[in-house]
Amino acid sequence: MRKGIVRTAAVVMVIVLLSLTAMAGCGNGGDKSKPEVIIGYIGDLTGPAAIAVKDTFNGMRDYFRMVEEKGLIPEVSVKILTYDSRSDRGRIPPGYKWLVGQGADMISTISGDEAMILASSLEADQLPNFSFGSSIKMLGEDWMFSVLPPTFCSGEVVGHRIEETWDGAQPAKVGLVGLAPLSISREPLEALQDWCAAAPNLDFVTAQMAPMGTTTWAAEIDHLKVCDYILDTTIGSSMATFERDLIASGWQGTHFGLMNSFMAYWDLARASIPEADLDGFLADTPYVDWNEDVPFVAEVKEYIEAHMDPQEAAEVMRGVGYIGGWAGGKMVAEAIKLAVAQVGAENLDGAVLRDGFLAVDLTVEGFGNAWKVAGDVNSFLQTLRIMKWDAAAERWVQAFDFYRPPILG
């Protein structure tokens, strides 16, 4: 059962990078003759995380530009307000207060941790929140939804894959490196430890959890060097320097990473590690790939080719963030359309918009599950697959098919 009140609505979010102001901004004011939906985004626009999330912002923003160009939601105008958190979670509550004061009908955050900071306020104000990332703590929360499943799922996916493929005479030795403050490190650690404890052919050896910003790894590598597999849950320069130093140490095991670590910051790794040394790295993802021949990818490429120069398009297609942003935009647009159909454009509010998301049920070729809420599972992407870096082709390719983590039922 879901917590608190009976859910009668769903959340809508638009993550749009409209301006790079230090405090707050607004844009996409829309047609003033139509009923207006105001979306308030709290996130890092100028701080250290902006480099990793910009493609996701741009994908969502461009999806709604396409919606406007094609008149796909003609009944309403969408206005987006932004508040720059600068990766400082202390700025989340005042950002929320400012956006509510501006009349926001919904709130969006980039991570599950940030959403949980606002849990009591969202419920009290009956404002939905839609985040890009998720935390296991979000499952069952009445006013929270996300694109991605909780990062706990990544630990289960990696544990499952190692258990299924390990054929050594002795149990595989498994380790993890992470950043102590982050749930994207803590949740996979818990899941992977539990999985290894239940699998007779796996032995969890050690977890090395470092402070934020760590870039020297000699002590951690010394503990991890006995492992056959290491799951890297670090981000940014921490990820790039750890993998660089691990390779330099002569370690010969299998490198696993999260989409949030490897794929989000892959250019940093490629800038500091020879391409040949990255061949065979593994990472989980819920997304379709740029090279797949499916309508979703064709739609994204059509927009990119029409609106970007070749260099900009090539940069966007090097990662998965833009695909994630476009997918989020598609979810939001469907929710808005369903909400309008339910009560009419003049009667939209937070609860009705939440109804729209509860009604979303899309099957999108190339993804591993239908996009819909399933009981307490309030993330729309609920399956993950393992991708492998092909150094010769300079791209990620599928290594193992989509898998639904047990935590999601």
Foldseek 3Di string as FASTA:
>chain_A
DFPDDDAQFAAFAQQALDDQDQFKDKDQQFDPVAQEAEEEEEEARDADCNLLQVLLNHLRNLLVVVCVVVVVPVRYGYMYMYGHCNPPLVCLVVSVVVSVVVPHQAYEYAEQVSVVVCLVVCVVVVHAYEYAYHAPVQQSRRRYFYADFHLLLVLLVVLVVCLVPDDDPAAFEEEEEEAVVDRNRVSSVVSNVVSQVPRRRHDHQYYHHHHPPDQDCPVVLVRVLVGQEYEYSYADNNLLNVLLVNVVVVRDHAAEYECRHCQSHVVSNCVRDPLVSQFFHKYKDQFFACPDDFPLNVVVVVSCVVPHDPVVSVVSNLGCSSVSSNVSNVLNSQLVNQLCVVPHRVPDGRSSSRNSQQPQWADGPRGDHTQHDDRSRRHRRFWMFMWTQHSVVSHTDGDGDIDGRPVVD
